[in-house]
C-alpha atoms as a PDB file:
ATOM      1  CA  MET A   1       0.000   0.000   0.000  1.00  0.00           C
ATOM      2  CA  ALA A   2       1.324   3.449  -0.937  1.00  0.00           C
ATOM      3  CA  ASP A   3       0.455   6.749   0.689  1.00  0.00           C
ATOM      4  CA  LEU A   4      -0.157   9.531  -1.825  1.00  0.00           C
ATOM      5  CA  ALA A   5      -0.703  13.276  -1.685  1.00  0.00           C
ATOM      6  CA  LEU A   6      -3.510  14.753  -3.756  1.00  0.00           C
ATOM      7  CA  ALA A   7      -1.966  17.850  -5.337  1.00  0.00           C
ATOM      8  CA  VAL A   8      -3.929  20.716  -6.892  1.00  0.00           C
ATOM      9  CA  ASP A   9      -2.624  23.643  -8.929  1.00  0.00           C
ATOM     10  CA  ILE A  10      -4.918  26.542  -9.895  1.00  0.00           C
ATOM     11  CA  GLY A  11      -3.780  29.077 -12.452  1.00  0.00           C
ATOM     12  CA  GLY A  12      -5.194  31.571 -14.879  1.00  0.00           C
ATOM     13  CA  THR A  13      -4.609  29.244 -17.835  1.00  0.00           C
ATOM     14  CA  LYS A  14      -5.228  25.781 -16.438  1.00  0.00           C
ATOM     15  CA  MET A  15      -6.430  23.855 -13.413  1.00  0.00           C
ATOM     16  CA  ALA A  16      -4.439  20.699 -12.670  1.00  0.00           C
ATOM     17  CA  ALA A  17      -4.532  17.891 -10.136  1.00  0.00           C
ATOM     18  CA  GLY A  18      -2.131  15.037  -9.525  1.00  0.00           C
ATOM     19  CA  LEU A  19      -1.101  12.164  -7.308  1.00  0.00           C
ATOM     20  CA  VAL A  20       2.345  12.521  -5.769  1.00  0.00           C
ATOM     21  CA  ALA A  21       4.255   9.811  -3.911  1.00  0.00           C
ATOM     22  CA  LEU A  22       6.076  10.518  -0.652  1.00  0.00           C
ATOM     23  CA  ASP A  23       9.414  10.609  -2.494  1.00  0.00           C
ATOM     24  CA  GLY A  24       8.241  13.472  -4.733  1.00  0.00           C
ATOM     25  CA  THR A  25       7.377  11.393  -7.791  1.00  0.00           C
ATOM     26  CA  LEU A  26       4.375  12.634  -9.754  1.00  0.00           C
ATOM     27  CA  VAL A  27       2.584   9.395 -10.597  1.00  0.00           C
ATOM     28  CA  HIS A  28      -0.549  10.723 -12.312  1.00  0.00           C
ATOM     29  CA  ARG A  29      -2.021  14.050 -13.325  1.00  0.00           C
ATOM     30  CA  THR A  30      -4.870  15.604 -15.242  1.00  0.00           C
ATOM     31  CA  MET A  31      -5.731  19.158 -16.222  1.00  0.00           C
ATOM     32  CA  GLN A  32      -8.387  21.332 -17.817  1.00  0.00           C
ATOM     33  CA  PRO A  33      -8.318  24.898 -19.157  1.00  0.00           C
ATOM     34  CA  THR A  34      -9.393  27.495 -16.633  1.00  0.00           C
ATOM     35  CA  PRO A  35     -12.732  28.901 -17.818  1.00  0.00           C
ATOM     36  CA  ALA A  36     -12.669  32.548 -18.798  1.00  0.00           C
ATOM     37  CA  SER A  37     -14.227  34.585 -16.019  1.00  0.00           C
ATOM     38  CA  ALA A  38     -15.346  38.151 -15.674  1.00  0.00           C
ATOM     39  CA  GLY A  39     -17.381  38.365 -12.512  1.00  0.00           C
ATOM     40  CA  PRO A  40     -19.389  36.752  -9.751  1.00  0.00           C
ATOM     41  CA  ASP A  41     -21.667  34.848 -12.140  1.00  0.00           C
ATOM     42  CA  ASP A  42     -18.691  32.640 -13.015  1.00  0.00           C
ATOM     43  CA  VAL A  43     -17.887  31.579  -9.445  1.00  0.00           C
ATOM     44  CA  GLU A  44     -19.594  28.199  -9.557  1.00  0.00           C
ATOM     45  CA  ARG A  45     -18.548  27.445 -13.136  1.00  0.00           C
ATOM     46  CA  LEU A  46     -14.941  27.836 -12.069  1.00  0.00           C
ATOM     47  CA  TRP A  47     -15.512  25.637  -9.046  1.00  0.00           C
ATOM     48  CA  GLU A  48     -17.223  22.937 -11.080  1.00  0.00           C
ATOM     49  CA  THR A  49     -14.225  22.787 -13.431  1.00  0.00           C
ATOM     50  CA  LEU A  50     -11.841  22.457 -10.517  1.00  0.00           C
ATOM     51  CA  ALA A  51     -13.986  19.874  -8.731  1.00  0.00           C
ATOM     52  CA  GLY A  52     -14.205  17.785 -11.892  1.00  0.00           C
ATOM     53  CA  THR A  53     -10.434  17.890 -12.294  1.00  0.00           C
ATOM     54  CA  VAL A  54      -9.866  16.841  -8.682  1.00  0.00           C
ATOM     55  CA  ASP A  55     -12.449  14.064  -8.836  1.00  0.00           C
ATOM     56  CA  GLY A  56     -10.905  12.796 -12.052  1.00  0.00           C
ATOM     57  CA  VAL A  57      -7.447  12.356 -10.606  1.00  0.00           C
ATOM     58  CA  ALA A  58      -8.736  10.968  -7.287  1.00  0.00           C
ATOM     59  CA  ALA A  59     -10.417   8.200  -9.274  1.00  0.00           C
ATOM     60  CA  GLN A  60      -6.945   7.059 -10.390  1.00  0.00           C
ATOM     61  CA  VAL A  61      -5.873   5.996  -6.878  1.00  0.00           C
ATOM     62  CA  GLY A  62      -4.963   2.329  -7.134  1.00  0.00           C
ATOM     63  CA  PRO A  63      -6.363  -0.519  -5.041  1.00  0.00           C
ATOM     64  CA  GLY A  64      -4.726  -0.500  -1.635  1.00  0.00           C
ATOM     65  CA  ASP A  65      -3.270   3.001  -2.077  1.00  0.00           C
ATOM     66  CA  ARG A  66      -4.342   5.804   0.234  1.00  0.00           C
ATOM     67  CA  LEU A  67      -4.731   9.556  -0.089  1.00  0.00           C
ATOM     68  CA  VAL A  68      -3.373  11.237   3.042  1.00  0.00           C
ATOM     69  CA  VAL A  69      -3.631  14.963   2.336  1.00  0.00           C
ATOM     70  CA  CYS A  70      -4.700  17.569  -0.212  1.00  0.00           C
ATOM     71  CA  GLY A  71      -2.129  20.272  -0.937  1.00  0.00           C
ATOM     72  CA  THR A  72      -3.108  23.180  -3.175  1.00  0.00           C
ATOM     73  CA  GLY A  73      -1.257  26.010  -4.850  1.00  0.00           C
ATOM     74  CA  CYS A  74      -3.278  28.959  -6.129  1.00  0.00           C
ATOM     75  CA  GLY A  75      -2.529  32.431  -7.395  1.00  0.00           C
ATOM     76  CA  GLY A  76      -2.843  35.194  -4.844  1.00  0.00           C
ATOM     77  CA  PRO A  77      -3.438  37.236  -2.933  1.00  0.00           C
ATOM     78  CA  MET A  78      -5.227  35.194  -0.297  1.00  0.00           C
ATOM     79  CA  SER A  79      -6.050  35.213   3.382  1.00  0.00           C
ATOM     80  CA  PRO A  80      -3.845  33.254   5.809  1.00  0.00           C
ATOM     81  CA  GLY A  81      -4.091  29.528   5.194  1.00  0.00           C
ATOM     82  CA  GLY A  82      -5.858  30.036   1.877  1.00  0.00           C
ATOM     83  CA  ASP A  83      -9.246  30.209   3.573  1.00  0.00           C
ATOM     84  CA  GLU A  84     -10.224  32.815   0.983  1.00  0.00           C
ATOM     85  CA  VAL A  85      -8.484  33.381  -2.340  1.00  0.00           C
ATOM     86  CA  SER A  86      -8.659  36.312  -4.761  1.00  0.00           C
ATOM     87  CA  PRO A  87      -6.266  35.410  -7.602  1.00  0.00           C
ATOM     88  CA  LEU A  88      -5.584  38.406  -9.807  1.00  0.00           C
ATOM     89  CA  ASN A  89      -5.678  36.259 -12.949  1.00  0.00           C
ATOM     90  CA  ILE A  90      -9.064  34.661 -12.129  1.00  0.00           C
ATOM     91  CA  GLU A  91     -11.479  37.571 -11.987  1.00  0.00           C
ATOM     92  CA  GLY A  92     -14.472  35.457 -11.001  1.00  0.00           C
ATOM     93  CA  TRP A  93     -12.985  34.464  -7.651  1.00  0.00           C
ATOM     94  CA  ARG A  94     -12.843  37.179  -5.041  1.00  0.00           C
ATOM     95  CA  SER A  95     -12.714  36.025  -1.403  1.00  0.00           C
ATOM     96  CA  PHE A  96     -13.587  32.544  -2.610  1.00  0.00           C
ATOM     97  CA  PRO A  97     -13.560  29.978   0.267  1.00  0.00           C
ATOM     98  CA  LEU A  98     -11.184  27.598  -1.484  1.00  0.00           C
ATOM     99  CA  ARG A  99      -9.799  25.604   1.430  1.00  0.00           C
ATOM    100  CA  SER A 100     -13.152  24.707   2.942  1.00  0.00           C
ATOM    101  CA  ARG A 101     -14.648  23.794  -0.434  1.00  0.00           C
ATOM    102  CA  LEU A 102     -11.743  21.490  -1.254  1.00  0.00           C
ATOM    103  CA  ALA A 103     -11.796  19.918   2.211  1.00  0.00           C
ATOM    104  CA  ALA A 104     -15.504  19.155   1.825  1.00  0.00           C
ATOM    105  CA  LEU A 105     -14.950  17.747  -1.671  1.00  0.00           C
ATOM    106  CA  THR A 106     -12.010  15.484  -0.806  1.00  0.00           C
ATOM    107  CA  GLY A 107     -12.618  14.633   2.846  1.00  0.00           C
ATOM    108  CA  LEU A 108      -8.884  15.136   3.419  1.00  0.00           C
ATOM    109  CA  PRO A 109      -6.796  17.452   5.569  1.00  0.00           C
ATOM    110  CA  THR A 110      -6.414  20.364   3.152  1.00  0.00           C
ATOM    111  CA  PHE A 111      -3.725  23.022   2.929  1.00  0.00           C
ATOM    112  CA  VAL A 112      -3.706  25.988   0.538  1.00  0.00           C
ATOM    113  CA  ASP A 113      -0.963  28.499  -0.203  1.00  0.00           C
ATOM    114  CA  ASN A 114       0.298  30.669  -3.017  1.00  0.00           C
ATOM    115  CA  ASP A 115       1.255  28.551  -6.017  1.00  0.00           C
ATOM    116  CA  ALA A 116       4.751  30.020  -6.269  1.00  0.00           C
ATOM    117  CA  LYS A 117       5.375  29.425  -2.557  1.00  0.00           C
ATOM    118  CA  ALA A 118       4.344  25.828  -3.104  1.00  0.00           C
ATOM    119  CA  LEU A 119       6.760  25.633  -6.038  1.00  0.00           C
ATOM    120  CA  ALA A 120       9.532  26.890  -3.774  1.00  0.00           C
ATOM    121  CA  LEU A 121       8.873  23.980  -1.424  1.00  0.00           C
ATOM    122  CA  GLY A 122       8.968  21.520  -4.308  1.00  0.00           C
ATOM    123  CA  GLU A 123      12.202  22.867  -5.789  1.00  0.00           C
ATOM    124  CA  GLY A 124      13.856  22.711  -2.377  1.00  0.00           C
ATOM    125  CA  TRP A 125      12.598  19.152  -1.900  1.00  0.00           C
ATOM    126  CA  VAL A 126      13.551  17.353  -5.109  1.00  0.00           C
ATOM    127  CA  GLY A 127      14.341  20.161  -7.572  1.00  0.00           C
ATOM    128  CA  ALA A 128      17.018  22.659  -8.530  1.00  0.00           C
ATOM    129  CA  ALA A 129      17.259  24.155  -5.007  1.00  0.00           C
ATOM    130  CA  ALA A 130      17.636  20.844  -3.163  1.00  0.00           C
ATOM    131  CA  GLY A 131      20.250  21.260  -0.427  1.00  0.00           C
ATOM    132  CA  CYS A 132      20.064  25.086  -0.541  1.00  0.00           C
ATOM    133  CA  ASP A 133      18.746  26.972   2.503  1.00  0.00           C
ATOM    134  CA  ASP A 134      18.416  30.432   0.924  1.00  0.00           C
ATOM    135  CA  TYR A 135      16.768  31.000  -2.465  1.00  0.00           C
ATOM    136  CA  ILE A 136      13.822  32.391  -4.360  1.00  0.00           C
ATOM    137  CA  ALA A 137      11.673  30.235  -6.641  1.00  0.00           C
ATOM    138  CA  MET A 138       9.667  32.017  -9.314  1.00  0.00           C
ATOM    139  CA  VAL A 139       6.986  31.263 -11.869  1.00  0.00           C
ATOM    140  CA  VAL A 140       6.939  33.339 -15.052  1.00  0.00           C
ATOM    141  CA  SER A 141       3.814  32.193 -16.838  1.00  0.00           C
ATOM    142  CA  THR A 142       0.325  33.689 -17.282  1.00  0.00           C
ATOM    143  CA  GLY A 143       1.294  35.750 -14.242  1.00  0.00           C
ATOM    144  CA  VAL A 144       4.471  36.114 -12.191  1.00  0.00           C
ATOM    145  CA  GLY A 145       4.820  34.795  -8.643  1.00  0.00           C
ATOM    146  CA  GLY A 146       7.508  33.865  -6.178  1.00  0.00           C
ATOM    147  CA  GLY A 147       8.270  32.018  -2.984  1.00  0.00           C
ATOM    148  CA  ILE A 148      11.274  32.740  -0.789  1.00  0.00           C
ATOM    149  CA  VAL A 149      13.182  30.392   1.506  1.00  0.00           C
ATOM    150  CA  VAL A 150      15.569  31.909   4.074  1.00  0.00           C
ATOM    151  CA  ASP A 151      17.529  29.860   6.603  1.00  0.00           C
ATOM    152  CA  GLY A 152      15.670  26.794   5.354  1.00  0.00           C
ATOM    153  CA  ARG A 153      12.233  28.257   6.128  1.00  0.00           C
ATOM    154  CA  LEU A 154       9.558  29.381   3.703  1.00  0.00           C
ATOM    155  CA  LEU A 155       8.717  33.037   4.322  1.00  0.00           C
ATOM    156  CA  ASN A 156       5.036  33.669   4.911  1.00  0.00           C
ATOM    157  CA  GLY A 157       4.756  37.324   5.912  1.00  0.00           C
ATOM    158  CA  ARG A 158       2.059  39.033   7.945  1.00  0.00           C
ATOM    159  CA  LEU A 159      -0.878  37.665   5.922  1.00  0.00           C
ATOM    160  CA  GLY A 160       0.849  34.777   4.162  1.00  0.00           C
ATOM    161  CA  ASN A 161       1.577  36.726   0.967  1.00  0.00           C
ATOM    162  CA  ALA A 162       5.374  37.028   1.162  1.00  0.00           C
ATOM    163  CA  GLY A 163       7.185  36.478  -2.121  1.00  0.00           C
ATOM    164  CA  HIS A 164       4.986  38.482  -4.517  1.00  0.00           C
ATOM    165  CA  VAL A 165       7.952  39.365  -6.715  1.00  0.00           C
ATOM    166  CA  GLY A 166       5.569  39.930  -9.620  1.00  0.00           C
ATOM    167  CA  HIS A 167       4.616  43.237  -8.034  1.00  0.00           C
ATOM    168  CA  ILE A 168       8.084  44.694  -7.730  1.00  0.00           C
ATOM    169  CA  VAL A 169       8.193  47.764  -9.972  1.00  0.00           C
ATOM    170  CA  VAL A 170      10.701  47.193 -12.771  1.00  0.00           C
ATOM    171  CA  VAL A 171       9.558  49.902 -15.223  1.00  0.00           C
ATOM    172  CA  PRO A 172       8.811  53.221 -13.488  1.00  0.00           C
ATOM    173  CA  ASP A 173       5.536  54.640 -14.818  1.00  0.00           C
ATOM    174  CA  GLY A 174       5.100  51.482 -16.890  1.00  0.00           C
ATOM    175  CA  ARG A 175       1.966  49.553 -17.810  1.00  0.00           C
ATOM    176  CA  ALA A 176      -1.019  49.432 -15.478  1.00  0.00           C
ATOM    177  CA  CYS A 177      -1.078  46.244 -13.410  1.00  0.00           C
ATOM    178  CA  ALA A 178      -4.079  44.281 -12.170  1.00  0.00           C
ATOM    179  CA  CYS A 179      -2.897  44.981  -8.615  1.00  0.00           C
ATOM    180  CA  GLY A 180      -3.525  48.713  -9.112  1.00  0.00           C
ATOM    181  CA  GLY A 181       0.107  49.716  -9.522  1.00  0.00           C
ATOM    182  CA  ARG A 182       2.147  50.548 -12.604  1.00  0.00           C
ATOM    183  CA  GLY A 183       5.266  48.995 -14.056  1.00  0.00           C
ATOM    184  CA  CYS A 184       5.101  45.795 -12.001  1.00  0.00           C
ATOM    185  CA  LEU A 185       7.053  42.798 -13.264  1.00  0.00           C
ATOM    186  CA  GLU A 186       3.770  40.968 -13.895  1.00  0.00           C
ATOM    187  CA  ALA A 187       2.470  43.875 -15.976  1.00  0.00           C
ATOM    188  CA  GLU A 188       5.622  43.917 -18.103  1.00  0.00           C
ATOM    189  CA  ALA A 189       6.942  40.338 -18.325  1.00  0.00           C
ATOM    190  CA  SER A 190       4.113  37.830 -17.822  1.00  0.00           C
ATOM    191  CA  GLY A 191       2.534  35.843 -20.624  1.00  0.00           C
ATOM    192  CA  THR A 192      -0.546  38.037 -20.346  1.00  0.00           C
ATOM    193  CA  ALA A 193       1.551  41.200 -20.590  1.00  0.00           C
ATOM    194  CA  LEU A 194       3.538  39.926 -23.562  1.00  0.00           C
ATOM    195  CA  ALA A 195       0.351  39.060 -25.441  1.00  0.00           C
ATOM    196  CA  ALA A 196      -0.942  42.581 -24.844  1.00  0.00           C
ATOM    197  CA  LEU A 197       2.350  44.220 -25.765  1.00  0.00           C
ATOM    198  CA  THR A 198       3.067  42.216 -28.902  1.00  0.00           C
ATOM    199  CA  GLY A 199      -0.402  41.306 -30.103  1.00  0.00           C
ATOM    200  CA  GLN A 200       0.395  37.585 -30.220  1.00  0.00           C
ATOM    201  CA  PRO A 201       0.923  34.690 -27.785  1.00  0.00           C
ATOM    202  CA  ALA A 202       4.055  34.846 -25.663  1.00  0.00           C
ATOM    203  CA  ARG A 203       5.441  31.710 -27.326  1.00  0.00           C
ATOM    204  CA  LEU A 204       5.728  33.699 -30.584  1.00  0.00           C
ATOM    205  CA  ALA A 205       7.707  36.557 -29.044  1.00  0.00           C
ATOM    206  CA  SER A 206      10.682  37.839 -31.010  1.00  0.00           C
ATOM    207  CA  ALA A 207      14.260  37.583 -29.765  1.00  0.00           C
ATOM    208  CA  ALA A 208      14.109  41.217 -28.655  1.00  0.00           C
ATOM    209  CA  TRP A 209      11.030  40.599 -26.514  1.00  0.00           C
ATOM    210  CA  VAL A 210      12.586  37.460 -25.042  1.00  0.00           C
ATOM    211  CA  ALA A 211      15.673  39.462 -24.083  1.00  0.00           C
ATOM    212  CA  ARG A 212      13.590  42.277 -22.570  1.00  0.00           C
ATOM    213  CA  THR A 213      11.547  39.811 -20.535  1.00  0.00           C
ATOM    214  CA  GLY A 214      14.671  38.115 -19.197  1.00  0.00           C
ATOM    215  CA  MET A 215      16.245  41.460 -18.377  1.00  0.00           C
ATOM    216  CA  LEU A 216      13.222  42.587 -16.357  1.00  0.00           C
ATOM    217  CA  VAL A 217      13.068  39.299 -14.458  1.00  0.00           C
ATOM    218  CA  GLY A 218      16.779  39.646 -13.698  1.00  0.00           C
ATOM    219  CA  ARG A 219      16.165  43.196 -12.460  1.00  0.00           C
ATOM    220  CA  ALA A 220      13.526  42.000  -9.997  1.00  0.00           C
ATOM    221  CA  ILE A 221      15.634  39.071  -8.794  1.00  0.00           C
ATOM    222  CA  ALA A 222      18.616  41.354  -8.217  1.00  0.00           C
ATOM    223  CA  ALA A 223      16.525  43.534  -5.900  1.00  0.00           C
ATOM    224  CA  VAL A 224      15.387  40.503  -3.907  1.00  0.00           C
ATOM    225  CA  ALA A 225      18.888  38.999  -3.804  1.00  0.00           C
ATOM    226  CA  VAL A 226      20.369  42.176  -2.359  1.00  0.00           C
ATOM    227  CA  LEU A 227      17.508  42.691   0.081  1.00  0.00           C
ATOM    228  CA  LEU A 228      17.532  39.149   1.485  1.00  0.00           C
ATOM    229  CA  ASP A 229      21.120  37.996   0.893  1.00  0.00           C
ATOM    230  CA  LEU A 230      20.179  35.263  -1.599  1.00  0.00           C
ATOM    231  CA  SER A 231      22.505  33.619  -4.084  1.00  0.00           C
ATOM    232  CA  LEU A 232      20.087  31.478  -6.082  1.00  0.00           C
ATOM    233  CA  ALA A 233      16.905  32.049  -8.076  1.00  0.00           C
ATOM    234  CA  VAL A 234      15.103  29.055  -9.548  1.00  0.00           C
ATOM    235  CA  VAL A 235      12.681  30.077 -12.286  1.00  0.00           C
ATOM    236  CA  SER A 236       9.948  27.980 -13.881  1.00  0.00           C
ATOM    237  CA  GLY A 237       6.726  28.637 -15.765  1.00  0.00           C
ATOM    238  CA  SER A 238       5.693  28.365 -19.395  1.00  0.00           C
ATOM    239  CA  VAL A 239       7.172  31.720 -20.416  1.00  0.00           C
ATOM    240  CA  ALA A 240      10.568  31.277 -18.759  1.00  0.00           C
ATOM    241  CA  LEU A 241      11.060  27.644 -19.695  1.00  0.00           C
ATOM    242  CA  GLY A 242       9.569  28.179 -23.145  1.00  0.00           C
ATOM    243  CA  PHE A 243      11.955  31.045 -23.904  1.00  0.00           C
ATOM    244  CA  GLY A 244      14.857  28.932 -22.678  1.00  0.00           C
ATOM    245  CA  ALA A 245      18.548  29.837 -22.790  1.00  0.00           C
ATOM    246  CA  PRO A 246      18.240  33.381 -24.264  1.00  0.00           C
ATOM    247  CA  PHE A 247      15.821  34.347 -21.490  1.00  0.00           C
ATOM    248  CA  PHE A 248      18.096  33.012 -18.756  1.00  0.00           C
ATOM    249  CA  ALA A 249      21.186  34.615 -20.303  1.00  0.00           C
ATOM    250  CA  ALA A 250      19.490  38.027 -20.390  1.00  0.00           C
ATOM    251  CA  ALA A 251      18.328  37.654 -16.795  1.00  0.00           C
ATOM    252  CA  GLN A 252      21.780  36.642 -15.611  1.00  0.00           C
ATOM    253  CA  GLU A 253      23.406  39.551 -17.438  1.00  0.00           C
ATOM    254  CA  GLU A 254      21.089  42.025 -15.714  1.00  0.00           C
ATOM    255  CA  MET A 255      21.697  40.406 -12.325  1.00  0.00           C
ATOM    256  CA  ASP A 256      25.461  40.585 -12.822  1.00  0.00           C
ATOM    257  CA  GLU A 257      25.128  44.269 -13.680  1.00  0.00           C
ATOM    258  CA  LEU A 258      23.015  45.111 -10.620  1.00  0.00           C
ATOM    259  CA  CYS A 259      24.345  42.749  -7.928  1.00  0.00           C
ATOM    260  CA  ARG A 260      27.526  44.736  -7.291  1.00  0.00           C
ATOM    261  CA  ILE A 261      27.608  44.769  -3.498  1.00  0.00           C
ATOM    262  CA  ALA A 262      30.086  42.130  -2.326  1.00  0.00           C
ATOM    263  CA  PHE A 263      27.677  39.639  -0.728  1.00  0.00           C
ATOM    264  CA  ALA A 264      25.386  39.600  -3.782  1.00  0.00           C
ATOM    265  CA  ARG A 265      28.039  39.116  -6.434  1.00  0.00           C
ATOM    266  CA  GLY A 266      27.717  35.798  -8.166  1.00  0.00           C
ATOM    267  CA  ALA A 267      23.997  35.422  -7.487  1.00  0.00           C
ATOM    268  CA  ARG A 268      22.689  33.149 -10.204  1.00  0.00           C
ATOM    269  CA  ILE A 269      19.468  32.227 -11.953  1.00  0.00           C
ATOM    270  CA  GLU A 270      18.718  28.618 -12.911  1.00  0.00           C
ATOM    271  CA  PRO A 271      15.812  26.914 -14.680  1.00  0.00           C
ATOM    272  CA  GLY A 272      13.492  25.032 -12.356  1.00  0.00           C
ATOM    273  CA  GLY A 273      14.499  21.416 -11.960  1.00  0.00           C
ATOM    274  CA  LEU A 274      10.970  20.002 -11.927  1.00  0.00           C
ATOM    275  CA  GLY A 275       9.734  21.370 -15.242  1.00  0.00           C
ATOM    276  CA  ASP A 276       5.991  21.432 -15.678  1.00  0.00           C
ATOM    277  CA  ALA A 277       5.581  18.977 -12.774  1.00  0.00           C
ATOM    278  CA  GLY A 278       6.844  21.602 -10.329  1.00  0.00           C
ATOM    279  CA  PRO A 279       3.527  23.164  -9.294  1.00  0.00           C
ATOM    280  CA  LEU A 280       1.965  19.803  -8.422  1.00  0.00           C
ATOM    281  CA  VAL A 281       5.053  18.445  -6.669  1.00  0.00           C
ATOM    282  CA  GLY A 282       5.205  21.688  -4.696  1.00  0.00           C
ATOM    283  CA  ALA A 283       1.523  21.514  -3.789  1.00  0.00           C
ATOM    284  CA  ALA A 284       2.053  17.966  -2.535  1.00  0.00           C
ATOM    285  CA  ARG A 285       5.006  19.094  -0.419  1.00  0.00           C
ATOM    286  CA  LEU A 286       2.862  21.863   1.054  1.00  0.00           C
ATOM    287  CA  GLY A 287       0.269  19.316   2.133  1.00  0.00           C
ATOM    288  CA  LEU A 288       2.793  16.833   3.484  1.00  0.00           C
ATOM    289  CA  CYS A 289       4.456  19.560   5.540  1.00  0.00           C
ATOM    290  CA  GLY A 290       1.038  20.484   6.864  1.00  0.00           C
ATOM    291  CA  VAL A 291       0.363  16.994   8.218  1.00  0.00           C
ATOM    292  CA  GLY A 292       3.930  16.431   9.438  1.00  0.00           C
ATOM    293  CA  MET A 293       4.797  13.825   6.797  1.00  0.00           C
ATOM    294  CA  ALA A 294       7.615  15.762   5.100  1.00  0.00           C
ATOM    295  CA  ALA A 295      10.773  13.687   5.381  1.00  0.00           C
END
């Protein structure tokens, strides 16, 4: 008999669920596109899509295997513990009671946190940050998020929203951001921003746009590295990983230019080690930590 974590990842583009073994192996997953949403009338339609995704993967639990926890990563902001979520890239959910709805659906101990914070846990568990006690993990995808580990501990902040690197201003007086600010990294370098800026999907961005995106991500990471004395940034997400080496080279060049103070020199950016499995592996780690089963 194998114990498994039920992992859930909720983003602006897709909703995914998976089964993750206690050694970090993703053994099964399923996903559906996130329905377009514009307001409160879409609340239940969004939930029904998520519930169907979760039910679908739960049905894949083998005979004799056992689900022990539900761990969930979701875009923020959110209230402490993910009791209510208001992801900026899902307009239909504002103060949505995600944790209680998932707990009722699954019957499992349920833990919810920011999706990028969950990714940080996964990358430190079996990914590119394994063995490192001080790093930032980022997602550059539909939106931009981050999770920060210092002295081996995931930073939560006053309301659990620490790590929102997507809302560091990287272009003064730049584009309006969904958060209400201007020039945020998310407003300038996310997949959504690139589509608006270029008039085509991010995956079709020219070399110049790839370089600009990498440069802006490097600018944000440099600020965090200097502020928190970090030497490693692990970056995943469809935009970052899809752009590949030119993106990472541009980000590293900008970091090298800005990280001049002695303790920050040599700070580096690396692709996430878990690829597109990272969000689900991280969500599983979040849940296992919550029930004290994290080895």
